[in-house]
Amino acid sequence: MTNNDNLVLFDNIKNIRKNGEYSGSIISKCKNESKSVIFSDNITISEDKIVISQGLMVGFDKNGDKKIAFSEKSDFSWIDDFSSIEYSVIISDDIMNQYDEGQFSDAFPYTINLLHTAGLYFNDYKYNIDHLDFFKGEILKNPVAVIFNGICVADRVVIDHRGDPVFYDCLIVGRDQNEELAASYEPLVNVDDKVVEYIIILGIESLKE
């Protein structure tokens, strides 16, 4: 991973808070029951408030005795209490350029684009979701995965012959052995499904401006 200490805007574990108004490619990880992630192009941080305007929150909600994947565009704010946010990181232009250059053509004939956001995998003893075998060998667009302490945002994911996800054209945000946050671009990430917390496939409706 590429260490991006100067790009960490907020980190609850390391007690980092950089007050100011920021714009760019920002990823925030929440510490809530939904295990949600927020993608945004702006954030304002002050002594007593954090505000994100028109961010896209992705995660799992409880619906009766099931967990359902969701994506929601909205304004988000936290006043005085920041305990439900783990971190906010702004991704560097260099990493974003690598990610943009690796984007797969939407015209590829065998790529599956889902209309609505759906949960592909949720690793939980009570609310387990596992559609990996069903999509084995298929190419799915726009996956978001939470893996241990990391986040993987990829252009596409393929389920290999072992039933494990292989992510292509990835933004990775996570912690190293010293709990320091870092971000990187990886052209390919092969992951054992046992270390994955969840995989959500963003629907086309979530990606529209």
N, C-alpha and C. Protein backbone atom coordinates (compact mmCIF):
# COMPACT_ATOMS: atom_id res chain seq x y z
N MET A 1 0.83 -1.21 0.00
CA MET A 1 0.00 0.00 0.00
C MET A 1 0.86 1.25 0.00
N THR A 2 0.32 2.30 -0.56
CA THR A 2 0.99 3.59 -0.54
C THR A 2 0.55 4.36 0.69
N ASN A 3 1.49 4.77 1.52
CA ASN A 3 1.14 5.50 2.74
C ASN A 3 0.71 6.92 2.39
N ASN A 4 -0.45 7.32 2.91
CA ASN A 4 -1.02 8.63 2.58
C ASN A 4 -1.39 9.36 3.87
N ASP A 5 -0.43 9.48 4.82
CA ASP A 5 -0.74 10.12 6.09
C ASP A 5 -1.31 11.52 5.88
N ASN A 6 -0.78 12.23 4.87
CA ASN A 6 -1.24 13.60 4.67
C ASN A 6 -2.65 13.65 4.08
N LEU A 7 -3.19 12.49 3.67
CA LEU A 7 -4.52 12.46 3.09
C LEU A 7 -5.56 11.93 4.08
N VAL A 8 -5.15 11.64 5.31
CA VAL A 8 -6.10 11.21 6.34
C VAL A 8 -6.72 12.46 6.96
N LEU A 9 -8.00 12.64 6.73
CA LEU A 9 -8.69 13.83 7.23
C LEU A 9 -9.21 13.62 8.65
N PHE A 10 -9.63 12.39 8.92
CA PHE A 10 -10.18 12.07 10.24
C PHE A 10 -9.88 10.60 10.53
N ASP A 11 -9.45 10.32 11.75
CA ASP A 11 -9.18 8.94 12.15
C ASP A 11 -9.46 8.83 13.65
N ASN A 12 -10.53 8.12 13.97
CA ASN A 12 -10.94 7.99 15.37
C ASN A 12 -9.93 7.20 16.18
N ILE A 13 -9.28 6.23 15.56
CA ILE A 13 -8.34 5.39 16.29
C ILE A 13 -7.06 6.14 16.61
N LYS A 14 -6.56 6.93 15.65
CA LYS A 14 -5.31 7.67 15.83
C LYS A 14 -5.53 9.10 16.32
N ASN A 15 -6.77 9.45 16.63
CA ASN A 15 -7.10 10.79 17.13
C ASN A 15 -6.62 11.90 16.18
N ILE A 16 -6.90 11.70 14.90
CA ILE A 16 -6.56 12.70 13.88
C ILE A 16 -7.84 13.42 13.45
N ARG A 17 -7.80 14.72 13.46
CA ARG A 17 -8.90 15.52 12.92
C ARG A 17 -8.30 16.77 12.30
N LYS A 18 -8.44 16.89 10.98
CA LYS A 18 -7.90 18.04 10.26
C LYS A 18 -9.05 18.95 9.86
N ASN A 19 -9.26 19.98 10.64
CA ASN A 19 -10.37 20.89 10.38
C ASN A 19 -10.19 21.61 9.05
N GLY A 20 -11.32 21.80 8.36
CA GLY A 20 -11.28 22.51 7.09
C GLY A 20 -12.34 21.98 6.14
N GLU A 21 -12.40 22.57 4.96
CA GLU A 21 -13.30 22.13 3.89
C GLU A 21 -12.47 21.46 2.82
N TYR A 22 -12.87 20.24 2.43
CA TYR A 22 -12.09 19.45 1.48
C TYR A 22 -12.99 18.98 0.34
N SER A 23 -12.41 18.91 -0.84
CA SER A 23 -13.13 18.35 -2.00
C SER A 23 -12.19 17.41 -2.72
N GLY A 24 -12.77 16.40 -3.36
CA GLY A 24 -11.99 15.38 -4.04
C GLY A 24 -12.70 14.05 -3.93
N SER A 25 -11.95 12.97 -4.06
CA SER A 25 -12.51 11.62 -3.93
C SER A 25 -12.31 11.15 -2.49
N ILE A 26 -13.40 11.19 -1.73
CA ILE A 26 -13.33 10.97 -0.28
C ILE A 26 -14.08 9.69 0.08
N ILE A 27 -13.44 8.86 0.89
CA ILE A 27 -14.06 7.63 1.38
C ILE A 27 -14.08 7.70 2.90
N SER A 28 -15.27 7.49 3.47
CA SER A 28 -15.44 7.49 4.92
C SER A 28 -16.01 6.15 5.35
N LYS A 29 -15.46 5.61 6.43
CA LYS A 29 -15.96 4.34 6.96
C LYS A 29 -16.65 4.60 8.29
N CYS A 30 -17.86 4.08 8.42
CA CYS A 30 -18.65 4.29 9.63
C CYS A 30 -18.52 3.11 10.58
N LYS A 31 -18.75 3.39 11.85
CA LYS A 31 -18.74 2.35 12.89
C LYS A 31 -20.17 2.17 13.39
N ASN A 32 -21.04 1.73 12.51
CA ASN A 32 -22.44 1.54 12.88
C ASN A 32 -22.88 0.12 12.57
N GLU A 33 -24.10 -0.19 12.92
CA GLU A 33 -24.60 -1.55 12.72
C GLU A 33 -24.63 -1.93 11.25
N SER A 34 -24.79 -0.93 10.38
CA SER A 34 -24.83 -1.19 8.94
C SER A 34 -23.45 -1.45 8.34
N LYS A 35 -22.38 -1.20 9.12
CA LYS A 35 -21.01 -1.32 8.61
C LYS A 35 -20.86 -0.54 7.30
N SER A 36 -21.39 0.66 7.30
CA SER A 36 -21.54 1.40 6.05
C SER A 36 -20.29 2.18 5.67
N VAL A 37 -20.20 2.47 4.38
CA VAL A 37 -19.14 3.26 3.77
C VAL A 37 -19.81 4.42 3.03
N ILE A 38 -19.20 5.61 3.10
CA ILE A 38 -19.75 6.78 2.41
C ILE A 38 -18.73 7.27 1.39
N PHE A 39 -19.18 7.41 0.15
CA PHE A 39 -18.38 7.99 -0.92
C PHE A 39 -18.88 9.40 -1.17
N SER A 40 -17.96 10.36 -1.24
CA SER A 40 -18.38 11.74 -1.44
C SER A 40 -17.28 12.52 -2.13
N ASP A 41 -17.63 13.72 -2.60
CA ASP A 41 -16.62 14.60 -3.19
C ASP A 41 -16.43 15.85 -2.34
N ASN A 42 -16.96 15.83 -1.10
CA ASN A 42 -16.76 16.97 -0.21
C ASN A 42 -16.92 16.53 1.24
N ILE A 43 -16.25 17.23 2.13
CA ILE A 43 -16.43 17.03 3.56
C ILE A 43 -15.95 18.30 4.27
N THR A 44 -16.68 18.68 5.31
CA THR A 44 -16.30 19.81 6.15
C THR A 44 -16.10 19.29 7.56
N ILE A 45 -14.94 19.57 8.14
CA ILE A 45 -14.61 19.10 9.47
C ILE A 45 -14.29 20.30 10.35
N SER A 46 -14.93 20.36 11.52
CA SER A 46 -14.64 21.42 12.48
C SER A 46 -14.56 20.80 13.87
N GLU A 47 -14.38 21.64 14.89
CA GLU A 47 -14.22 21.14 16.26
C GLU A 47 -15.43 20.33 16.72
N ASP A 48 -16.62 20.75 16.29
CA ASP A 48 -17.82 20.12 16.82
C ASP A 48 -18.74 19.52 15.75
N LYS A 49 -18.28 19.49 14.49
CA LYS A 49 -19.18 19.02 13.45
C LYS A 49 -18.40 18.43 12.27
N ILE A 50 -18.97 17.36 11.68
CA ILE A 50 -18.50 16.82 10.41
C ILE A 50 -19.71 16.76 9.47
N VAL A 51 -19.56 17.32 8.28
CA VAL A 51 -20.68 17.40 7.33
C VAL A 51 -20.23 16.88 5.97
N ILE A 52 -21.04 15.99 5.41
CA ILE A 52 -20.85 15.49 4.04
C ILE A 52 -22.13 15.78 3.28
N SER A 53 -22.00 16.49 2.15
CA SER A 53 -23.17 16.83 1.34
C SER A 53 -23.27 15.88 0.15
N GLN A 54 -24.45 15.33 -0.03
CA GLN A 54 -24.76 14.44 -1.16
C GLN A 54 -23.73 13.33 -1.32
N GLY A 55 -23.49 12.62 -0.21
CA GLY A 55 -22.65 11.44 -0.26
C GLY A 55 -23.47 10.21 -0.59
N LEU A 56 -22.80 9.16 -1.01
CA LEU A 56 -23.45 7.88 -1.29
C LEU A 56 -23.06 6.90 -0.18
N MET A 57 -24.03 6.55 0.66
CA MET A 57 -23.80 5.59 1.74
C MET A 57 -24.18 4.20 1.26
N VAL A 58 -23.31 3.24 1.53
CA VAL A 58 -23.51 1.84 1.13
C VAL A 58 -23.34 0.97 2.37
N GLY A 59 -24.23 0.00 2.55
CA GLY A 59 -24.11 -0.90 3.68
C GLY A 59 -25.24 -1.90 3.72
N PHE A 60 -25.48 -2.49 4.89
CA PHE A 60 -26.55 -3.46 5.09
C PHE A 60 -27.49 -2.98 6.18
N ASP A 61 -28.78 -3.04 5.92
CA ASP A 61 -29.81 -2.72 6.91
C ASP A 61 -30.52 -4.00 7.33
N LYS A 62 -30.99 -4.01 8.56
CA LYS A 62 -31.80 -5.14 9.02
C LYS A 62 -33.24 -4.93 8.57
N ASN A 63 -33.79 -5.98 7.97
CA ASN A 63 -35.18 -5.95 7.51
C ASN A 63 -35.86 -7.22 8.00
N GLY A 64 -36.54 -7.11 9.14
CA GLY A 64 -37.11 -8.31 9.75
C GLY A 64 -36.00 -9.22 10.23
N ASP A 65 -36.00 -10.46 9.73
CA ASP A 65 -34.95 -11.41 10.12
C ASP A 65 -33.89 -11.54 9.03
N LYS A 66 -33.78 -10.52 8.16
CA LYS A 66 -32.81 -10.54 7.08
C LYS A 66 -31.95 -9.28 7.10
N LYS A 67 -30.81 -9.35 6.43
CA LYS A 67 -29.99 -8.18 6.16
C LYS A 67 -30.10 -7.86 4.68
N ILE A 68 -30.39 -6.61 4.35
CA ILE A 68 -30.60 -6.18 2.98
C ILE A 68 -29.58 -5.09 2.64
N ALA A 69 -28.90 -5.26 1.50
CA ALA A 69 -27.95 -4.24 1.06
C ALA A 69 -28.70 -2.99 0.63
N PHE A 70 -28.10 -1.82 0.88
CA PHE A 70 -28.71 -0.57 0.47
C PHE A 70 -27.65 0.40 -0.02
N SER A 71 -28.07 1.36 -0.82
CA SER A 71 -27.25 2.52 -1.18
C SER A 71 -28.16 3.72 -1.15
N GLU A 72 -27.67 4.81 -0.57
CA GLU A 72 -28.52 5.98 -0.34
C GLU A 72 -27.71 7.26 -0.54
N LYS A 73 -28.19 8.13 -1.41
CA LYS A 73 -27.57 9.44 -1.58
C LYS A 73 -28.27 10.43 -0.66
N SER A 74 -27.49 11.12 0.15
CA SER A 74 -28.09 12.03 1.13
C SER A 74 -27.01 12.95 1.69
N ASP A 75 -27.44 13.88 2.54
CA ASP A 75 -26.53 14.69 3.33
C ASP A 75 -26.33 14.00 4.68
N PHE A 76 -25.11 14.00 5.17
CA PHE A 76 -24.80 13.34 6.43
C PHE A 76 -24.06 14.31 7.33
N SER A 77 -24.42 14.33 8.61
CA SER A 77 -23.73 15.22 9.54
C SER A 77 -23.65 14.58 10.91
N TRP A 78 -22.58 14.90 11.62
CA TRP A 78 -22.36 14.45 12.99
C TRP A 78 -22.00 15.68 13.82
N ILE A 79 -22.70 15.87 14.92
CA ILE A 79 -22.48 17.03 15.77
C ILE A 79 -22.03 16.56 17.15
N ASP A 80 -20.89 17.05 17.58
CA ASP A 80 -20.30 16.77 18.90
C ASP A 80 -19.81 15.33 19.06
N ASP A 81 -20.62 14.35 18.69
CA ASP A 81 -20.25 12.95 18.89
C ASP A 81 -19.80 12.34 17.56
N PHE A 82 -18.52 12.00 17.45
CA PHE A 82 -17.96 11.42 16.22
C PHE A 82 -17.66 9.93 16.39
N SER A 83 -18.21 9.31 17.41
CA SER A 83 -17.87 7.92 17.71
C SER A 83 -18.34 6.94 16.64
N SER A 84 -19.32 7.34 15.82
CA SER A 84 -19.84 6.43 14.80
C SER A 84 -19.09 6.54 13.47
N ILE A 85 -18.02 7.35 13.42
CA ILE A 85 -17.18 7.44 12.24
C ILE A 85 -15.81 6.87 12.59
N GLU A 86 -15.32 5.94 11.77
CA GLU A 86 -13.96 5.43 12.02
C GLU A 86 -12.92 6.32 11.36
N TYR A 87 -13.12 6.63 10.06
CA TYR A 87 -12.15 7.49 9.37
C TYR A 87 -12.74 8.09 8.11
N SER A 88 -12.08 9.16 7.66
CA SER A 88 -12.34 9.77 6.35
C SER A 88 -10.99 10.01 5.68
N VAL A 89 -10.87 9.55 4.45
CA VAL A 89 -9.61 9.64 3.71
C VAL A 89 -9.91 10.24 2.34
N ILE A 90 -9.07 11.18 1.90
CA ILE A 90 -9.19 11.72 0.55
C ILE A 90 -8.15 11.03 -0.32
N ILE A 91 -8.60 10.44 -1.42
CA ILE A 91 -7.71 9.67 -2.30
C ILE A 91 -6.95 10.62 -3.21
N SER A 92 -5.66 10.38 -3.35
CA SER A 92 -4.82 11.28 -4.14
C SER A 92 -5.18 11.22 -5.62
N ASP A 93 -4.86 12.30 -6.34
CA ASP A 93 -5.13 12.36 -7.78
C ASP A 93 -4.39 11.27 -8.53
N ASP A 94 -3.17 10.95 -8.10
CA ASP A 94 -2.38 9.92 -8.78
C ASP A 94 -3.09 8.56 -8.72
N ILE A 95 -3.59 8.22 -7.54
CA ILE A 95 -4.29 6.95 -7.39
C ILE A 95 -5.59 6.95 -8.18
N MET A 96 -6.32 8.07 -8.15
CA MET A 96 -7.58 8.15 -8.89
C MET A 96 -7.34 8.07 -10.40
N ASN A 97 -6.26 8.66 -10.87
CA ASN A 97 -5.96 8.57 -12.30
C ASN A 97 -5.68 7.14 -12.71
N GLN A 98 -4.95 6.39 -11.87
CA GLN A 98 -4.70 4.98 -12.16
C GLN A 98 -6.02 4.21 -12.20
N TYR A 99 -6.89 4.50 -11.24
CA TYR A 99 -8.19 3.82 -11.19
C TYR A 99 -9.03 4.14 -12.43
N ASP A 100 -9.07 5.40 -12.81
CA ASP A 100 -9.87 5.81 -13.98
C ASP A 100 -9.34 5.19 -15.26
N GLU A 101 -8.01 5.10 -15.38
CA GLU A 101 -7.42 4.53 -16.59
C GLU A 101 -7.70 3.04 -16.73
N GLY A 102 -7.92 2.37 -15.61
CA GLY A 102 -8.15 0.93 -15.65
C GLY A 102 -9.60 0.54 -15.81
N GLN A 103 -10.51 1.52 -15.89
CA GLN A 103 -11.94 1.21 -15.95
C GLN A 103 -12.26 0.35 -17.16
N PHE A 104 -13.07 -0.67 -16.92
CA PHE A 104 -13.49 -1.61 -17.94
C PHE A 104 -14.59 -0.98 -18.78
N SER A 105 -14.62 -1.26 -20.05
CA SER A 105 -15.65 -0.73 -20.93
C SER A 105 -17.02 -1.29 -20.56
N ASP A 106 -18.01 -0.41 -20.44
CA ASP A 106 -19.38 -0.85 -20.18
C ASP A 106 -19.94 -1.64 -21.35
N ALA A 107 -19.30 -1.53 -22.50
CA ALA A 107 -19.79 -2.21 -23.69
C ALA A 107 -19.36 -3.67 -23.74
N PHE A 108 -18.53 -4.11 -22.77
CA PHE A 108 -18.08 -5.50 -22.77
C PHE A 108 -19.31 -6.41 -22.69
N PRO A 109 -19.46 -7.36 -23.63
CA PRO A 109 -20.75 -8.06 -23.78
C PRO A 109 -21.10 -9.01 -22.65
N TYR A 110 -20.12 -9.44 -21.82
CA TYR A 110 -20.43 -10.45 -20.81
C TYR A 110 -20.40 -9.89 -19.39
N THR A 111 -20.46 -8.59 -19.28
CA THR A 111 -20.47 -7.95 -17.97
C THR A 111 -21.90 -7.78 -17.47
N ILE A 112 -22.13 -8.13 -16.21
CA ILE A 112 -23.46 -7.99 -15.61
C ILE A 112 -23.53 -6.67 -14.86
N ASN A 113 -24.44 -5.80 -15.28
CA ASN A 113 -24.73 -4.56 -14.58
C ASN A 113 -26.09 -4.70 -13.90
N LEU A 114 -26.11 -4.66 -12.58
CA LEU A 114 -27.38 -4.77 -11.87
C LEU A 114 -28.09 -3.42 -11.86
N LEU A 115 -29.41 -3.48 -11.99
CA LEU A 115 -30.19 -2.24 -11.95
C LEU A 115 -30.23 -1.67 -10.54
N HIS A 116 -30.48 -2.54 -9.56
CA HIS A 116 -30.59 -2.10 -8.17
C HIS A 116 -29.45 -2.67 -7.34
N THR A 117 -29.05 -1.94 -6.32
CA THR A 117 -28.00 -2.38 -5.42
C THR A 117 -28.41 -3.70 -4.74
N ALA A 118 -27.44 -4.64 -4.65
CA ALA A 118 -27.75 -5.96 -4.09
C ALA A 118 -26.57 -6.48 -3.29
N GLY A 119 -26.88 -7.29 -2.28
CA GLY A 119 -25.85 -7.92 -1.48
C GLY A 119 -25.39 -9.22 -2.13
N LEU A 120 -24.12 -9.30 -2.47
CA LEU A 120 -23.56 -10.52 -3.05
C LEU A 120 -23.08 -11.47 -1.95
N TYR A 121 -22.58 -10.88 -0.86
CA TYR A 121 -22.00 -11.71 0.20
C TYR A 121 -22.03 -10.94 1.51
N PHE A 122 -22.45 -11.62 2.58
CA PHE A 122 -22.44 -11.02 3.92
C PHE A 122 -22.04 -12.11 4.89
N ASN A 123 -20.86 -11.94 5.49
CA ASN A 123 -20.27 -12.98 6.33
C ASN A 123 -20.72 -12.78 7.77
N ASP A 124 -21.77 -13.49 8.15
CA ASP A 124 -22.33 -13.33 9.48
C ASP A 124 -23.04 -14.63 9.86
N TYR A 125 -22.81 -15.09 11.08
CA TYR A 125 -23.37 -16.39 11.48
C TYR A 125 -24.90 -16.36 11.51
N LYS A 126 -25.48 -15.18 11.75
CA LYS A 126 -26.93 -15.10 11.88
C LYS A 126 -27.61 -14.66 10.60
N TYR A 127 -26.98 -13.72 9.86
CA TYR A 127 -27.62 -13.15 8.67
C TYR A 127 -26.83 -13.46 7.39
N ASN A 128 -26.23 -14.62 7.34
CA ASN A 128 -25.32 -14.95 6.24
C ASN A 128 -26.00 -14.85 4.87
N ILE A 129 -25.29 -14.20 3.92
CA ILE A 129 -25.70 -14.13 2.52
C ILE A 129 -24.52 -14.62 1.68
N ASP A 130 -24.76 -15.56 0.79
CA ASP A 130 -23.67 -16.08 -0.03
C ASP A 130 -24.20 -16.48 -1.41
N HIS A 131 -23.98 -15.56 -2.38
CA HIS A 131 -24.37 -15.82 -3.77
C HIS A 131 -23.14 -16.03 -4.65
N LEU A 132 -22.00 -16.32 -4.04
CA LEU A 132 -20.76 -16.42 -4.80
C LEU A 132 -20.80 -17.57 -5.80
N ASP A 133 -21.29 -18.74 -5.36
CA ASP A 133 -21.35 -19.88 -6.28
C ASP A 133 -22.30 -19.63 -7.44
N PHE A 134 -23.37 -18.91 -7.17
CA PHE A 134 -24.37 -18.63 -8.21
C PHE A 134 -23.75 -17.80 -9.35
N PHE A 135 -22.82 -16.89 -8.99
CA PHE A 135 -22.22 -16.00 -9.98
C PHE A 135 -20.81 -16.45 -10.39
N LYS A 136 -20.46 -17.71 -10.10
CA LYS A 136 -19.13 -18.21 -10.43
C LYS A 136 -18.86 -18.07 -11.93
N GLY A 137 -17.73 -17.44 -12.26
CA GLY A 137 -17.34 -17.26 -13.65
C GLY A 137 -17.93 -16.04 -14.32
N GLU A 138 -18.84 -15.33 -13.65
CA GLU A 138 -19.45 -14.14 -14.22
C GLU A 138 -18.64 -12.89 -13.86
N ILE A 139 -18.81 -11.83 -14.65
CA ILE A 139 -18.16 -10.54 -14.38
C ILE A 139 -19.24 -9.58 -13.89
N LEU A 140 -19.12 -9.13 -12.65
CA LEU A 140 -20.08 -8.19 -12.06
C LEU A 140 -19.43 -6.82 -11.95
N LYS A 141 -20.17 -5.80 -12.33
CA LYS A 141 -19.67 -4.43 -12.28
C LYS A 141 -19.95 -3.78 -10.92
N ASN A 142 -19.05 -2.86 -10.54
CA ASN A 142 -19.25 -1.94 -9.42
C ASN A 142 -19.39 -2.60 -8.05
N PRO A 143 -18.43 -3.49 -7.68
CA PRO A 143 -18.48 -4.06 -6.34
C PRO A 143 -17.84 -3.14 -5.30
N VAL A 144 -18.39 -3.19 -4.10
CA VAL A 144 -17.79 -2.55 -2.92
C VAL A 144 -17.66 -3.63 -1.86
N ALA A 145 -16.44 -3.80 -1.34
CA ALA A 145 -16.22 -4.86 -0.36
C ALA A 145 -15.55 -4.30 0.89
N VAL A 146 -15.95 -4.81 2.04
CA VAL A 146 -15.26 -4.54 3.29
C VAL A 146 -14.54 -5.82 3.67
N ILE A 147 -13.21 -5.73 3.81
CA ILE A 147 -12.37 -6.89 4.05
C ILE A 147 -11.54 -6.62 5.30
N PHE A 148 -11.83 -7.36 6.40
CA PHE A 148 -11.17 -7.08 7.68
C PHE A 148 -11.25 -5.58 7.97
N ASN A 149 -10.10 -4.89 8.08
CA ASN A 149 -10.10 -3.47 8.38
C ASN A 149 -10.03 -2.61 7.12
N GLY A 150 -10.21 -3.22 5.97
CA GLY A 150 -10.03 -2.48 4.72
C GLY A 150 -11.29 -2.37 3.90
N ILE A 151 -11.22 -1.47 2.92
CA ILE A 151 -12.29 -1.27 1.96
C ILE A 151 -11.70 -1.47 0.57
N CYS A 152 -12.42 -2.20 -0.28
CA CYS A 152 -12.02 -2.40 -1.67
C CYS A 152 -13.15 -1.91 -2.56
N VAL A 153 -12.86 -0.90 -3.36
CA VAL A 153 -13.82 -0.39 -4.35
C VAL A 153 -13.25 -0.72 -5.71
N ALA A 154 -13.96 -1.54 -6.48
CA ALA A 154 -13.40 -2.05 -7.72
C ALA A 154 -14.32 -1.76 -8.90
N ASP A 155 -13.74 -1.86 -10.09
CA ASP A 155 -14.54 -1.71 -11.30
C ASP A 155 -15.36 -2.96 -11.56
N ARG A 156 -14.80 -4.14 -11.19
CA ARG A 156 -15.52 -5.38 -11.45
C ARG A 156 -14.98 -6.48 -10.54
N VAL A 157 -15.76 -7.53 -10.40
CA VAL A 157 -15.36 -8.69 -9.62
C VAL A 157 -15.76 -9.95 -10.39
N VAL A 158 -14.88 -10.93 -10.35
CA VAL A 158 -15.15 -12.24 -10.93
C VAL A 158 -15.02 -13.27 -9.82
N ILE A 159 -15.95 -14.23 -9.75
CA ILE A 159 -15.88 -15.31 -8.78
C ILE A 159 -15.14 -16.47 -9.44
N ASP A 160 -13.99 -16.84 -8.86
CA ASP A 160 -13.16 -17.85 -9.51
C ASP A 160 -13.67 -19.26 -9.26
N HIS A 161 -12.94 -20.26 -9.74
CA HIS A 161 -13.40 -21.65 -9.67
C HIS A 161 -13.48 -22.18 -8.25
N ARG A 162 -12.77 -21.52 -7.30
CA ARG A 162 -12.83 -21.92 -5.89
C ARG A 162 -13.98 -21.23 -5.16
N GLY A 163 -14.66 -20.32 -5.83
CA GLY A 163 -15.72 -19.56 -5.19
C GLY A 163 -15.22 -18.34 -4.47
N ASP A 164 -13.97 -17.94 -4.76
CA ASP A 164 -13.40 -16.74 -4.14
C ASP A 164 -13.50 -15.54 -5.08
N PRO A 165 -13.71 -14.35 -4.54
CA PRO A 165 -13.81 -13.16 -5.39
C PRO A 165 -12.44 -12.66 -5.85
N VAL A 166 -12.35 -12.27 -7.11
CA VAL A 166 -11.16 -11.64 -7.67
C VAL A 166 -11.59 -10.25 -8.16
N PHE A 167 -11.02 -9.21 -7.56
CA PHE A 167 -11.39 -7.84 -7.89
C PHE A 167 -10.39 -7.26 -8.89
N TYR A 168 -10.92 -6.52 -9.86
CA TYR A 168 -10.09 -5.89 -10.88
C TYR A 168 -10.25 -4.38 -10.82
N ASP A 169 -9.12 -3.68 -10.98
CA ASP A 169 -9.10 -2.22 -11.01
C ASP A 169 -9.64 -1.68 -9.68
N CYS A 170 -8.81 -1.73 -8.65
CA CYS A 170 -9.28 -1.53 -7.28
C CYS A 170 -8.68 -0.30 -6.61
N LEU A 171 -9.50 0.39 -5.86
CA LEU A 171 -9.05 1.34 -4.84
C LEU A 171 -9.08 0.61 -3.51
N ILE A 172 -7.96 0.65 -2.79
CA ILE A 172 -7.87 -0.03 -1.50
C ILE A 172 -7.58 1.00 -0.42
N VAL A 173 -8.37 0.97 0.65
CA VAL A 173 -8.10 1.79 1.83
C VAL A 173 -8.10 0.85 3.03
N GLY A 174 -7.07 0.93 3.86
CA GLY A 174 -7.02 0.05 5.02
C GLY A 174 -5.89 0.42 5.96
N ARG A 175 -5.71 -0.40 6.98
CA ARG A 175 -4.71 -0.15 8.00
C ARG A 175 -3.57 -1.16 7.90
N ASP A 176 -2.35 -0.69 8.22
CA ASP A 176 -1.21 -1.59 8.26
C ASP A 176 -1.07 -2.17 9.66
N GLN A 177 0.05 -2.85 9.92
CA GLN A 177 0.24 -3.51 11.21
C GLN A 177 0.33 -2.53 12.37
N ASN A 178 0.59 -1.26 12.07
CA ASN A 178 0.64 -0.23 13.11
C ASN A 178 -0.65 0.59 13.19
N GLU A 179 -1.69 0.08 12.54
CA GLU A 179 -2.99 0.76 12.52
C GLU A 179 -2.97 2.08 11.77
N GLU A 180 -1.93 2.30 10.97
CA GLU A 180 -1.87 3.52 10.15
C GLU A 180 -2.70 3.32 8.89
N LEU A 181 -3.45 4.34 8.52
CA LEU A 181 -4.27 4.27 7.31
C LEU A 181 -3.42 4.50 6.07
N ALA A 182 -3.75 3.78 5.02
CA ALA A 182 -3.05 3.94 3.75
C ALA A 182 -4.04 3.67 2.62
N ALA A 183 -3.72 4.19 1.44
CA ALA A 183 -4.56 3.97 0.26
C ALA A 183 -3.67 3.58 -0.90
N SER A 184 -4.20 2.79 -1.81
CA SER A 184 -3.42 2.37 -2.97
C SER A 184 -4.35 2.00 -4.12
N TYR A 185 -3.75 1.89 -5.29
CA TYR A 185 -4.43 1.32 -6.46
C TYR A 185 -3.82 -0.05 -6.73
N GLU A 186 -4.67 -1.04 -6.97
CA GLU A 186 -4.20 -2.37 -7.33
C GLU A 186 -4.96 -2.84 -8.56
N PRO A 187 -4.26 -3.29 -9.61
CA PRO A 187 -4.97 -3.76 -10.80
C PRO A 187 -5.75 -5.05 -10.56
N LEU A 188 -5.30 -5.86 -9.58
CA LEU A 188 -5.97 -7.14 -9.32
C LEU A 188 -5.79 -7.51 -7.85
N VAL A 189 -6.86 -7.93 -7.21
CA VAL A 189 -6.81 -8.38 -5.82
C VAL A 189 -7.59 -9.68 -5.72
N ASN A 190 -6.90 -10.75 -5.34
CA ASN A 190 -7.52 -12.06 -5.15
C ASN A 190 -7.73 -12.28 -3.66
N VAL A 191 -8.97 -12.54 -3.24
CA VAL A 191 -9.30 -12.56 -1.82
C VAL A 191 -9.98 -13.87 -1.46
N ASP A 192 -9.56 -14.45 -0.34
CA ASP A 192 -10.25 -15.61 0.22
C ASP A 192 -11.58 -15.12 0.81
N ASP A 193 -12.67 -15.78 0.46
CA ASP A 193 -13.97 -15.31 0.94
C ASP A 193 -14.08 -15.31 2.46
N LYS A 194 -13.23 -16.07 3.15
CA LYS A 194 -13.31 -16.15 4.61
C LYS A 194 -12.88 -14.85 5.29
N VAL A 195 -12.11 -13.99 4.60
CA VAL A 195 -11.67 -12.73 5.20
C VAL A 195 -12.54 -11.55 4.76
N VAL A 196 -13.58 -11.83 4.00
CA VAL A 196 -14.48 -10.78 3.51
C VAL A 196 -15.63 -10.59 4.48
N GLU A 197 -15.88 -9.35 4.88
CA GLU A 197 -17.06 -9.06 5.70
C GLU A 197 -18.30 -8.98 4.83
N TYR A 198 -18.23 -8.21 3.75
CA TYR A 198 -19.35 -8.18 2.82
C TYR A 198 -18.92 -7.69 1.45
N ILE A 199 -19.74 -8.04 0.45
CA ILE A 199 -19.59 -7.50 -0.91
C ILE A 199 -20.96 -7.02 -1.36
N ILE A 200 -21.01 -5.77 -1.77
CA ILE A 200 -22.24 -5.18 -2.32
C ILE A 200 -21.98 -4.80 -3.77
N ILE A 201 -22.94 -5.09 -4.64
CA ILE A 201 -22.86 -4.70 -6.03
C ILE A 201 -23.75 -3.46 -6.22
N LEU A 202 -23.13 -2.34 -6.53
CA LEU A 202 -23.91 -1.11 -6.71
C LEU A 202 -24.75 -1.20 -7.98
N GLY A 203 -26.02 -0.88 -7.84
CA GLY A 203 -26.90 -0.86 -8.99
C GLY A 203 -26.72 0.40 -9.81
N ILE A 204 -27.15 0.33 -11.05
CA ILE A 204 -27.00 1.46 -11.95
C ILE A 204 -27.70 2.69 -11.39
N GLU A 205 -28.82 2.47 -10.68
CA GLU A 205 -29.58 3.63 -10.14
C GLU A 205 -28.77 4.38 -9.10
N SER A 206 -27.84 3.71 -8.42
CA SER A 206 -27.03 4.36 -7.41
C SER A 206 -25.95 5.24 -8.01
N LEU A 207 -25.55 4.92 -9.23
CA LEU A 207 -24.42 5.60 -9.86
C LEU A 207 -24.83 6.81 -10.69
N LYS A 208 -26.13 6.97 -10.89
CA LYS A 208 -26.61 8.12 -11.67
C LYS A 208 -26.48 9.40 -10.86
N GLU A 209 -26.07 10.45 -11.52
CA GLU A 209 -25.96 11.75 -10.85
C GLU A 209 -27.34 12.37 -10.69
